[in-house]
N, C-alpha and C. Protein backbone atom coordinates (compact mmCIF):
# COMPACT_ATOMS: atom_id res chain seq x y z
N MET A 1 40.57 35.58 78.40
CA MET A 1 41.85 35.25 77.76
C MET A 1 42.71 36.51 77.66
N SER A 2 43.96 36.39 78.03
CA SER A 2 44.87 37.52 77.98
C SER A 2 45.34 37.78 76.55
N THR A 3 45.24 39.01 76.11
CA THR A 3 45.74 39.37 74.79
C THR A 3 46.76 40.50 74.94
N ARG A 4 47.78 40.44 74.11
CA ARG A 4 48.87 41.41 74.17
C ARG A 4 48.92 42.21 72.87
N ALA A 5 49.03 43.50 73.01
CA ALA A 5 49.18 44.38 71.86
C ALA A 5 50.47 45.18 72.02
N GLY A 6 50.94 45.69 70.91
CA GLY A 6 52.11 46.57 70.93
C GLY A 6 51.81 47.86 70.20
N ILE A 7 52.25 48.96 70.76
CA ILE A 7 52.08 50.27 70.13
C ILE A 7 53.45 50.87 69.87
N VAL A 8 53.67 51.30 68.63
CA VAL A 8 54.89 52.02 68.28
C VAL A 8 54.51 53.46 67.96
N LEU A 9 55.00 54.38 68.75
CA LEU A 9 54.73 55.80 68.53
C LEU A 9 55.74 56.33 67.51
N ALA A 10 55.21 56.85 66.40
CA ALA A 10 56.09 57.25 65.30
C ALA A 10 55.72 58.61 64.70
N GLY A 11 54.82 59.34 65.34
CA GLY A 11 54.29 60.55 64.73
C GLY A 11 54.99 61.84 65.09
N GLY A 12 56.06 61.77 65.87
CA GLY A 12 56.75 63.00 66.25
C GLY A 12 57.46 63.65 65.08
N PHE A 13 57.75 64.93 65.20
CA PHE A 13 58.39 65.66 64.10
C PHE A 13 59.92 65.57 64.15
N ALA A 14 60.49 65.14 65.25
CA ALA A 14 61.93 64.86 65.35
C ALA A 14 62.77 65.99 64.77
N ARG A 15 62.58 67.19 65.26
CA ARG A 15 63.25 68.36 64.68
C ARG A 15 64.77 68.32 64.83
N ARG A 16 65.26 67.58 65.83
CA ARG A 16 66.71 67.47 66.01
C ARG A 16 67.36 66.64 64.90
N PHE A 17 66.54 65.94 64.13
CA PHE A 17 67.09 65.05 63.11
C PHE A 17 67.23 65.74 61.75
N GLY A 18 66.78 66.97 61.64
CA GLY A 18 66.89 67.67 60.36
C GLY A 18 65.59 67.60 59.57
N ASP A 19 65.69 67.72 58.25
CA ASP A 19 64.50 67.82 57.41
C ASP A 19 63.86 66.49 57.05
N CYS A 20 64.59 65.39 57.17
CA CYS A 20 64.03 64.09 56.77
C CYS A 20 63.23 63.48 57.91
N ASP A 21 62.39 62.51 57.57
CA ASP A 21 61.60 61.79 58.58
C ASP A 21 62.52 60.78 59.26
N LYS A 22 62.81 61.01 60.52
CA LYS A 22 63.73 60.14 61.25
C LYS A 22 63.29 58.68 61.21
N THR A 23 62.01 58.43 61.27
CA THR A 23 61.52 57.05 61.34
C THR A 23 61.90 56.23 60.12
N LEU A 24 62.20 56.91 59.01
CA LEU A 24 62.56 56.21 57.77
C LEU A 24 64.07 56.20 57.54
N ALA A 25 64.83 56.84 58.41
CA ALA A 25 66.29 56.78 58.30
C ALA A 25 66.74 55.34 58.53
N GLU A 26 67.77 54.92 57.81
CA GLU A 26 68.15 53.51 57.82
C GLU A 26 69.23 53.17 58.84
N LEU A 27 68.97 52.10 59.53
CA LEU A 27 69.95 51.47 60.41
C LEU A 27 70.23 50.09 59.86
N ARG A 28 71.48 49.86 59.46
CA ARG A 28 71.88 48.55 58.93
C ARG A 28 70.97 48.11 57.80
N GLY A 29 70.64 49.08 56.93
CA GLY A 29 69.90 48.78 55.70
C GLY A 29 68.39 48.70 55.83
N LYS A 30 67.87 49.09 57.00
CA LYS A 30 66.43 48.99 57.22
C LYS A 30 65.95 50.23 57.99
N PRO A 31 64.78 50.78 57.65
CA PRO A 31 64.30 51.97 58.36
C PRO A 31 64.11 51.72 59.86
N LEU A 32 64.32 52.75 60.65
CA LEU A 32 64.14 52.63 62.10
C LEU A 32 62.77 52.07 62.45
N ILE A 33 61.72 52.55 61.77
CA ILE A 33 60.36 52.09 62.08
C ILE A 33 60.23 50.59 61.85
N ALA A 34 60.90 50.06 60.82
CA ALA A 34 60.82 48.62 60.54
C ALA A 34 61.50 47.82 61.64
N HIS A 35 62.66 48.30 62.13
CA HIS A 35 63.32 47.63 63.24
C HIS A 35 62.40 47.58 64.46
N ALA A 36 61.79 48.72 64.78
CA ALA A 36 60.95 48.81 65.98
C ALA A 36 59.77 47.86 65.90
N VAL A 37 59.12 47.82 64.75
CA VAL A 37 57.94 46.96 64.59
C VAL A 37 58.34 45.49 64.58
N GLN A 38 59.39 45.16 63.87
CA GLN A 38 59.76 43.75 63.72
C GLN A 38 60.23 43.12 65.02
N SER A 39 60.84 43.91 65.90
CA SER A 39 61.25 43.32 67.18
C SER A 39 60.07 43.17 68.13
N LEU A 40 59.08 44.03 67.99
CA LEU A 40 57.91 43.97 68.86
C LEU A 40 56.92 42.88 68.44
N ARG A 41 56.77 42.69 67.14
CA ARG A 41 55.72 41.81 66.62
C ARG A 41 55.69 40.40 67.22
N PRO A 42 56.81 39.69 67.36
CA PRO A 42 56.73 38.32 67.90
C PRO A 42 56.26 38.23 69.34
N ALA A 43 56.27 39.35 70.05
CA ALA A 43 55.90 39.34 71.47
C ALA A 43 54.43 39.67 71.70
N VAL A 44 53.71 40.04 70.64
CA VAL A 44 52.33 40.52 70.81
C VAL A 44 51.41 39.89 69.78
N ASP A 45 50.11 40.07 70.00
CA ASP A 45 49.12 39.56 69.06
C ASP A 45 48.87 40.50 67.90
N ARG A 46 49.09 41.80 68.12
CA ARG A 46 48.95 42.78 67.04
C ARG A 46 49.79 43.99 67.35
N VAL A 47 50.18 44.71 66.29
CA VAL A 47 50.99 45.92 66.43
C VAL A 47 50.21 47.10 65.86
N ILE A 48 50.16 48.17 66.63
CA ILE A 48 49.51 49.42 66.20
C ILE A 48 50.60 50.46 66.03
N VAL A 49 50.58 51.15 64.90
CA VAL A 49 51.54 52.23 64.64
C VAL A 49 50.79 53.55 64.71
N SER A 50 51.21 54.40 65.64
CA SER A 50 50.66 55.75 65.76
C SER A 50 51.53 56.68 64.93
N CYS A 51 50.91 57.38 63.97
CA CYS A 51 51.69 58.20 63.05
C CYS A 51 50.87 59.39 62.57
N ARG A 52 51.49 60.24 61.78
CA ARG A 52 50.77 61.31 61.12
C ARG A 52 50.19 60.79 59.81
N HIS A 53 49.10 61.39 59.34
CA HIS A 53 48.46 60.91 58.11
C HIS A 53 49.45 60.85 56.95
N GLU A 54 50.30 61.86 56.83
CA GLU A 54 51.19 61.91 55.67
C GLU A 54 52.30 60.87 55.72
N GLN A 55 52.55 60.27 56.89
CA GLN A 55 53.57 59.23 56.99
C GLN A 55 53.09 57.88 56.49
N ARG A 56 51.80 57.65 56.53
CA ARG A 56 51.29 56.31 56.29
C ARG A 56 51.70 55.71 54.93
N PRO A 57 51.63 56.45 53.82
CA PRO A 57 52.06 55.82 52.55
C PRO A 57 53.50 55.31 52.59
N SER A 58 54.41 56.07 53.20
CA SER A 58 55.80 55.62 53.29
C SER A 58 55.92 54.40 54.20
N PHE A 59 55.18 54.39 55.28
CA PHE A 59 55.22 53.25 56.19
C PHE A 59 54.67 51.99 55.52
N GLU A 60 53.62 52.15 54.73
CA GLU A 60 53.02 50.98 54.08
C GLU A 60 53.98 50.30 53.12
N ARG A 61 54.98 51.05 52.64
CA ARG A 61 55.96 50.45 51.73
C ARG A 61 56.99 49.60 52.48
N VAL A 62 57.15 49.82 53.78
CA VAL A 62 58.20 49.10 54.51
C VAL A 62 57.65 48.22 55.64
N LEU A 63 56.35 48.31 55.92
CA LEU A 63 55.76 47.53 57.00
C LEU A 63 54.62 46.67 56.47
N SER A 64 54.34 45.59 57.17
CA SER A 64 53.18 44.77 56.85
C SER A 64 52.57 44.26 58.15
N ASN A 65 51.31 43.88 58.07
CA ASN A 65 50.61 43.30 59.22
C ASN A 65 50.62 44.21 60.45
N VAL A 66 50.38 45.51 60.22
CA VAL A 66 50.22 46.44 61.32
C VAL A 66 48.90 47.18 61.14
N THR A 67 48.40 47.73 62.23
CA THR A 67 47.22 48.59 62.20
C THR A 67 47.68 50.02 62.39
N TYR A 68 47.22 50.91 61.53
CA TYR A 68 47.62 52.31 61.63
C TYR A 68 46.56 53.10 62.39
N ARG A 69 47.03 53.96 63.28
CA ARG A 69 46.16 54.88 63.98
C ARG A 69 46.73 56.29 63.79
N PRO A 70 46.38 56.92 62.66
CA PRO A 70 46.86 58.29 62.45
C PRO A 70 46.37 59.21 63.56
N ASP A 71 47.27 60.05 64.03
CA ASP A 71 46.97 60.97 65.11
C ASP A 71 46.13 62.12 64.57
N PRO A 72 44.91 62.31 65.06
CA PRO A 72 44.07 63.40 64.56
C PRO A 72 44.57 64.77 64.98
N THR A 73 45.45 64.81 65.99
CA THR A 73 46.00 66.09 66.47
C THR A 73 47.51 65.98 66.56
N PRO A 74 48.23 65.97 65.42
CA PRO A 74 49.67 65.68 65.44
C PRO A 74 50.52 66.71 66.14
N ASP A 75 49.99 67.87 66.45
CA ASP A 75 50.78 68.88 67.15
C ASP A 75 50.56 68.85 68.66
N GLU A 76 49.89 67.84 69.16
CA GLU A 76 49.54 67.78 70.58
C GLU A 76 50.50 66.93 71.41
N GLY A 77 51.54 66.40 70.80
CA GLY A 77 52.53 65.66 71.56
C GLY A 77 52.27 64.16 71.60
N PRO A 78 53.22 63.42 72.19
CA PRO A 78 53.14 61.95 72.16
C PRO A 78 51.96 61.37 72.94
N LEU A 79 51.47 62.07 73.94
CA LEU A 79 50.34 61.54 74.69
C LEU A 79 49.09 61.47 73.81
N ALA A 80 48.95 62.44 72.90
CA ALA A 80 47.83 62.41 71.97
C ALA A 80 47.97 61.24 70.99
N GLY A 81 49.19 60.97 70.55
CA GLY A 81 49.41 59.83 69.68
C GLY A 81 49.10 58.52 70.37
N LEU A 82 49.46 58.41 71.64
CA LEU A 82 49.15 57.20 72.40
C LEU A 82 47.65 57.07 72.59
N ASP A 83 46.98 58.17 72.83
CA ASP A 83 45.53 58.16 72.98
C ASP A 83 44.87 57.63 71.71
N ALA A 84 45.32 58.10 70.56
CA ALA A 84 44.76 57.63 69.28
C ALA A 84 45.02 56.14 69.09
N ALA A 85 46.21 55.68 69.46
CA ALA A 85 46.55 54.26 69.29
C ALA A 85 45.70 53.37 70.19
N LEU A 86 45.33 53.86 71.35
CA LEU A 86 44.53 53.07 72.29
C LEU A 86 43.06 53.03 71.93
N ASP A 87 42.62 53.93 71.08
CA ASP A 87 41.21 54.03 70.73
C ASP A 87 40.72 52.72 70.10
N GLY A 88 39.78 52.07 70.73
CA GLY A 88 39.21 50.83 70.21
C GLY A 88 40.10 49.61 70.35
N LEU A 89 41.21 49.74 71.04
CA LEU A 89 42.13 48.60 71.18
C LEU A 89 41.57 47.57 72.14
N ASP A 90 41.45 46.34 71.67
CA ASP A 90 40.93 45.25 72.48
C ASP A 90 42.12 44.39 72.93
N ALA A 91 42.66 44.71 74.09
CA ALA A 91 43.79 43.96 74.62
C ALA A 91 43.78 44.10 76.13
N THR A 92 44.39 43.14 76.80
CA THR A 92 44.50 43.22 78.25
C THR A 92 45.80 43.87 78.69
N ALA A 93 46.85 43.70 77.89
CA ALA A 93 48.15 44.30 78.20
C ALA A 93 48.74 44.88 76.92
N VAL A 94 49.51 45.94 77.09
CA VAL A 94 50.06 46.61 75.90
C VAL A 94 51.50 47.05 76.16
N ALA A 95 52.36 46.74 75.20
CA ALA A 95 53.73 47.24 75.21
C ALA A 95 53.77 48.53 74.42
N VAL A 96 54.46 49.53 74.95
CA VAL A 96 54.57 50.81 74.26
C VAL A 96 56.03 51.09 73.99
N SER A 97 56.34 51.45 72.74
CA SER A 97 57.69 51.81 72.37
C SER A 97 57.63 52.94 71.35
N THR A 98 58.79 53.33 70.84
CA THR A 98 58.86 54.40 69.86
C THR A 98 59.71 53.96 68.68
N ALA A 99 59.50 54.62 67.56
CA ALA A 99 60.22 54.25 66.34
C ALA A 99 61.71 54.51 66.45
N ASP A 100 62.11 55.41 67.36
CA ASP A 100 63.54 55.73 67.45
C ASP A 100 64.27 54.86 68.48
N ARG A 101 63.64 53.78 68.92
CA ARG A 101 64.32 52.78 69.76
C ARG A 101 64.34 51.47 68.96
N PRO A 102 65.24 51.38 67.98
CA PRO A 102 65.17 50.28 67.01
C PRO A 102 65.72 48.95 67.47
N LEU A 103 66.46 48.91 68.58
CA LEU A 103 67.15 47.68 68.96
C LEU A 103 66.63 47.05 70.24
N VAL A 104 65.42 47.40 70.65
CA VAL A 104 64.82 46.74 71.81
C VAL A 104 64.56 45.28 71.43
N PRO A 105 65.13 44.33 72.14
CA PRO A 105 64.98 42.92 71.75
C PRO A 105 63.57 42.39 72.02
N THR A 106 63.15 41.48 71.18
CA THR A 106 61.86 40.82 71.39
C THR A 106 61.79 40.20 72.78
N ASP A 107 62.89 39.58 73.21
CA ASP A 107 62.88 38.92 74.52
C ASP A 107 62.74 39.91 75.67
N LEU A 108 63.15 41.14 75.49
CA LEU A 108 62.93 42.14 76.54
C LEU A 108 61.44 42.44 76.66
N TYR A 109 60.75 42.59 75.54
CA TYR A 109 59.30 42.78 75.60
C TYR A 109 58.63 41.60 76.30
N ARG A 110 59.04 40.39 75.93
CA ARG A 110 58.45 39.20 76.56
C ARG A 110 58.71 39.20 78.06
N HIS A 111 59.92 39.57 78.44
CA HIS A 111 60.27 39.63 79.86
C HIS A 111 59.37 40.62 80.59
N LEU A 112 59.15 41.79 80.00
CA LEU A 112 58.32 42.80 80.65
C LEU A 112 56.87 42.32 80.78
N PHE A 113 56.36 41.68 79.75
CA PHE A 113 54.99 41.13 79.84
C PHE A 113 54.91 40.12 80.98
N ASP A 114 55.87 39.21 81.03
CA ASP A 114 55.81 38.12 82.01
C ASP A 114 56.09 38.61 83.43
N ALA A 115 56.89 39.65 83.58
CA ALA A 115 57.29 40.11 84.91
C ALA A 115 56.34 41.15 85.49
N ARG A 116 55.42 41.66 84.70
CA ARG A 116 54.54 42.72 85.20
C ARG A 116 53.66 42.20 86.33
N SER A 117 53.74 42.88 87.48
CA SER A 117 52.92 42.50 88.63
C SER A 117 52.06 43.65 89.14
N ALA A 118 52.21 44.81 88.53
CA ALA A 118 51.40 45.99 88.87
C ALA A 118 50.72 46.47 87.59
N GLU A 119 50.25 47.71 87.60
CA GLU A 119 49.59 48.23 86.40
C GLU A 119 50.58 48.47 85.26
N ALA A 120 51.86 48.54 85.60
CA ALA A 120 52.88 48.75 84.57
C ALA A 120 54.22 48.27 85.07
N ILE A 121 55.11 48.01 84.12
CA ILE A 121 56.51 47.73 84.44
C ILE A 121 57.35 48.55 83.48
N VAL A 122 58.29 49.32 84.04
CA VAL A 122 59.09 50.24 83.24
C VAL A 122 60.56 50.04 83.57
N ILE A 123 61.40 50.66 82.77
CA ILE A 123 62.85 50.55 82.96
C ILE A 123 63.36 51.83 83.62
N ARG A 124 64.17 51.65 84.65
CA ARG A 124 64.79 52.78 85.34
C ARG A 124 66.22 52.92 84.85
N ALA A 125 66.50 54.07 84.23
CA ALA A 125 67.84 54.34 83.71
C ALA A 125 68.40 55.59 84.38
N GLU A 126 69.53 55.44 85.06
CA GLU A 126 70.18 56.55 85.74
C GLU A 126 69.22 57.30 86.66
N GLY A 127 68.41 56.55 87.38
CA GLY A 127 67.50 57.12 88.35
C GLY A 127 66.21 57.69 87.78
N ILE A 128 66.00 57.56 86.48
CA ILE A 128 64.80 58.10 85.84
C ILE A 128 63.97 56.95 85.28
N ASP A 129 62.70 56.93 85.62
CA ASP A 129 61.80 55.88 85.13
C ASP A 129 61.33 56.25 83.73
N GLN A 130 61.51 55.31 82.80
CA GLN A 130 61.26 55.57 81.38
C GLN A 130 59.88 55.05 80.96
N PRO A 131 59.09 55.87 80.26
CA PRO A 131 57.77 55.41 79.81
C PRO A 131 57.81 54.47 78.61
N VAL A 132 58.96 54.39 77.94
CA VAL A 132 59.15 53.45 76.83
C VAL A 132 60.59 52.94 76.86
N PRO A 133 60.81 51.69 76.46
CA PRO A 133 59.79 50.66 76.28
C PRO A 133 59.24 50.25 77.64
N ALA A 134 57.96 49.97 77.66
CA ALA A 134 57.29 49.58 78.90
C ALA A 134 56.07 48.75 78.57
N VAL A 135 55.56 48.05 79.57
CA VAL A 135 54.34 47.25 79.40
C VAL A 135 53.33 47.70 80.45
N PHE A 136 52.09 47.89 79.99
CA PHE A 136 51.02 48.40 80.83
C PHE A 136 49.81 47.49 80.80
N ASP A 137 49.06 47.49 81.90
CA ASP A 137 47.70 46.99 81.87
C ASP A 137 46.91 47.93 80.96
N ALA A 138 46.25 47.41 79.94
CA ALA A 138 45.64 48.27 78.93
C ALA A 138 44.56 49.20 79.51
N PRO A 139 43.61 48.69 80.32
CA PRO A 139 42.61 49.60 80.89
C PRO A 139 43.23 50.69 81.76
N ALA A 140 44.24 50.34 82.55
CA ALA A 140 44.89 51.34 83.40
C ALA A 140 45.59 52.40 82.56
N LEU A 141 46.20 51.98 81.44
CA LEU A 141 46.86 52.94 80.57
C LEU A 141 45.85 53.88 79.92
N ARG A 142 44.73 53.34 79.48
CA ARG A 142 43.69 54.20 78.89
C ARG A 142 43.24 55.27 79.89
N THR A 143 43.00 54.86 81.11
CA THR A 143 42.56 55.80 82.15
C THR A 143 43.63 56.85 82.42
N ALA A 144 44.89 56.41 82.51
CA ALA A 144 45.99 57.33 82.78
C ALA A 144 46.13 58.36 81.67
N VAL A 145 46.05 57.91 80.43
CA VAL A 145 46.18 58.82 79.29
C VAL A 145 45.02 59.82 79.27
N SER A 146 43.81 59.33 79.48
CA SER A 146 42.64 60.23 79.49
C SER A 146 42.75 61.26 80.60
N ASP A 147 43.14 60.81 81.79
CA ASP A 147 43.26 61.73 82.92
C ASP A 147 44.32 62.80 82.68
N GLN A 148 45.46 62.39 82.18
CA GLN A 148 46.54 63.35 81.96
C GLN A 148 46.22 64.32 80.82
N ARG A 149 45.58 63.82 79.78
CA ARG A 149 45.21 64.73 78.68
C ARG A 149 44.14 65.73 79.15
N ALA A 150 43.24 65.29 80.02
CA ALA A 150 42.23 66.20 80.56
C ALA A 150 42.87 67.32 81.37
N ARG A 151 44.06 67.05 81.90
CA ARG A 151 44.80 68.08 82.65
C ARG A 151 45.64 68.97 81.73
N GLY A 152 45.60 68.67 80.44
CA GLY A 152 46.37 69.47 79.49
C GLY A 152 47.80 69.01 79.33
N THR A 153 48.11 67.84 79.85
CA THR A 153 49.48 67.31 79.77
C THR A 153 49.74 66.73 78.39
N ARG A 154 50.96 66.93 77.88
CA ARG A 154 51.34 66.39 76.58
C ARG A 154 52.48 65.39 76.67
N ARG A 155 53.20 65.40 77.79
CA ARG A 155 54.38 64.56 77.93
C ARG A 155 54.00 63.09 78.15
N LEU A 156 54.69 62.21 77.48
CA LEU A 156 54.45 60.78 77.63
C LEU A 156 54.75 60.31 79.05
N ARG A 157 55.78 60.88 79.65
CA ARG A 157 56.18 60.47 80.99
C ARG A 157 55.07 60.67 82.02
N ALA A 158 54.11 61.54 81.71
CA ALA A 158 53.04 61.83 82.65
C ALA A 158 52.19 60.61 82.98
N VAL A 159 52.15 59.62 82.09
CA VAL A 159 51.34 58.43 82.39
C VAL A 159 51.86 57.71 83.63
N LEU A 160 53.16 57.87 83.91
CA LEU A 160 53.73 57.20 85.07
C LEU A 160 53.27 57.82 86.38
N ASP A 161 52.74 59.04 86.31
CA ASP A 161 52.19 59.67 87.50
C ASP A 161 50.80 59.14 87.84
N ALA A 162 50.22 58.36 86.92
CA ALA A 162 48.83 57.94 87.08
C ALA A 162 48.65 56.44 87.11
N VAL A 163 49.75 55.67 87.17
CA VAL A 163 49.66 54.21 87.29
C VAL A 163 50.59 53.72 88.39
N GLU A 164 50.26 52.56 88.94
CA GLU A 164 51.16 51.89 89.88
C GLU A 164 52.10 51.02 89.06
N TYR A 165 53.41 51.18 89.28
CA TYR A 165 54.34 50.42 88.45
C TYR A 165 55.54 49.92 89.24
N THR A 166 56.17 48.91 88.67
CA THR A 166 57.44 48.40 89.18
C THR A 166 58.51 48.72 88.14
N THR A 167 59.76 48.56 88.54
CA THR A 167 60.85 48.93 87.64
C THR A 167 61.84 47.78 87.43
N VAL A 168 62.50 47.86 86.29
CA VAL A 168 63.61 46.97 85.95
C VAL A 168 64.83 47.87 85.73
N PRO A 169 65.97 47.58 86.33
CA PRO A 169 67.14 48.44 86.15
C PRO A 169 67.72 48.33 84.74
N ALA A 170 68.07 49.47 84.17
CA ALA A 170 68.68 49.48 82.84
C ALA A 170 70.00 48.72 82.83
N THR A 171 70.68 48.69 83.96
CA THR A 171 71.94 47.95 84.03
C THR A 171 71.71 46.45 83.81
N MET A 172 70.59 45.93 84.33
CA MET A 172 70.26 44.53 84.10
C MET A 172 69.96 44.29 82.62
N VAL A 173 69.23 45.22 82.01
CA VAL A 173 68.91 45.09 80.59
C VAL A 173 70.20 45.06 79.77
N ALA A 174 71.13 45.95 80.08
CA ALA A 174 72.39 46.01 79.34
C ALA A 174 73.20 44.72 79.51
N ARG A 175 73.23 44.19 80.73
CA ARG A 175 73.97 42.94 80.96
C ARG A 175 73.36 41.79 80.17
N ARG A 176 72.06 41.74 80.12
CA ARG A 176 71.39 40.59 79.52
C ARG A 176 71.24 40.71 78.00
N TRP A 177 71.01 41.94 77.51
CA TRP A 177 70.71 42.11 76.09
C TRP A 177 71.67 43.02 75.34
N GLY A 178 72.65 43.56 76.01
CA GLY A 178 73.65 44.37 75.33
C GLY A 178 73.47 45.86 75.55
N GLU A 179 74.53 46.61 75.34
CA GLU A 179 74.54 48.03 75.65
C GLU A 179 73.65 48.85 74.73
N HIS A 180 73.29 48.32 73.55
CA HIS A 180 72.48 49.10 72.61
C HIS A 180 70.99 48.77 72.70
N ALA A 181 70.59 47.90 73.62
CA ALA A 181 69.19 47.46 73.66
C ALA A 181 68.22 48.62 73.85
N LEU A 182 68.62 49.63 74.60
CA LEU A 182 67.72 50.74 74.91
C LEU A 182 68.09 52.02 74.18
N VAL A 183 68.96 51.94 73.19
CA VAL A 183 69.44 53.14 72.53
C VAL A 183 68.28 53.92 71.90
N ASP A 184 68.36 55.24 72.05
CA ASP A 184 67.34 56.16 71.56
C ASP A 184 68.01 57.05 70.52
N VAL A 185 67.63 56.92 69.26
CA VAL A 185 68.27 57.66 68.18
C VAL A 185 67.61 59.02 68.02
N ASN A 186 68.35 60.08 68.32
CA ASN A 186 67.79 61.43 68.24
C ASN A 186 68.41 62.29 67.15
N THR A 187 69.65 61.98 66.73
CA THR A 187 70.33 62.81 65.75
C THR A 187 70.98 61.92 64.68
N PRO A 188 71.26 62.50 63.50
CA PRO A 188 71.98 61.73 62.47
C PRO A 188 73.33 61.22 62.97
N ALA A 189 74.00 62.00 63.81
CA ALA A 189 75.30 61.56 64.33
C ALA A 189 75.15 60.30 65.19
N GLN A 190 74.10 60.25 66.01
CA GLN A 190 73.86 59.04 66.81
C GLN A 190 73.59 57.84 65.92
N LEU A 191 72.82 58.05 64.86
CA LEU A 191 72.53 56.96 63.94
C LEU A 191 73.80 56.50 63.25
N ASP A 192 74.65 57.43 62.84
CA ASP A 192 75.91 57.06 62.20
C ASP A 192 76.76 56.20 63.14
N ARG A 193 76.84 56.60 64.41
CA ARG A 193 77.63 55.83 65.37
C ARG A 193 77.07 54.43 65.55
N LEU A 194 75.74 54.32 65.53
CA LEU A 194 75.11 53.02 65.70
C LEU A 194 75.36 52.14 64.48
N ASN A 195 75.34 52.73 63.30
CA ASN A 195 75.63 51.98 62.07
C ASN A 195 77.07 51.49 62.05
N GLU A 196 77.95 52.23 62.71
CA GLU A 196 79.36 51.84 62.73
C GLU A 196 79.69 50.85 63.83
N SER A 197 78.72 50.55 64.70
CA SER A 197 79.01 49.73 65.89
C SER A 197 78.67 48.26 65.71
N ARG A 198 78.59 47.80 64.51
CA ARG A 198 78.20 46.40 64.26
C ARG A 198 79.02 45.44 65.11
């Protein structure tokens, strides 16, 4: 039986965002992490949040029905967080996203799950293949993460060097789900602009 899981990577330090935890900054009255989880949840059987140990109490106040996988090595980059999230995960396919992509529609996740014909399906934006949001064959992703970490790689994009994947154009995503579907919030100014774009 096919099972679908979702992973939200939320353990980064987001230094461009200032002193506050970016994942808890509010978009339209709700923390970014809550937007990310709530849009992913209807498309999967379970949601795993990869975070730092100290983030978990704050997350527990705004999230429910998620599994936490605190990153044992929070200074090792997003690939280490993904590795921790995959540990013990029983699923055949997994969607991977980040807390700073709050407006990815549920239907986009469903589309990626249904359209996947290789080990992964990713979005190509301006000629660059994006590792999130994306859907992967879970065993292939585990192998890719292990292989890349063994090479000392920390970048999330490195998993794409170790899986066979197909792409979906970002232009199609924008036409179907709107220009903000793939927005990546990196600074307070970007968040302010998004809050003003209702």
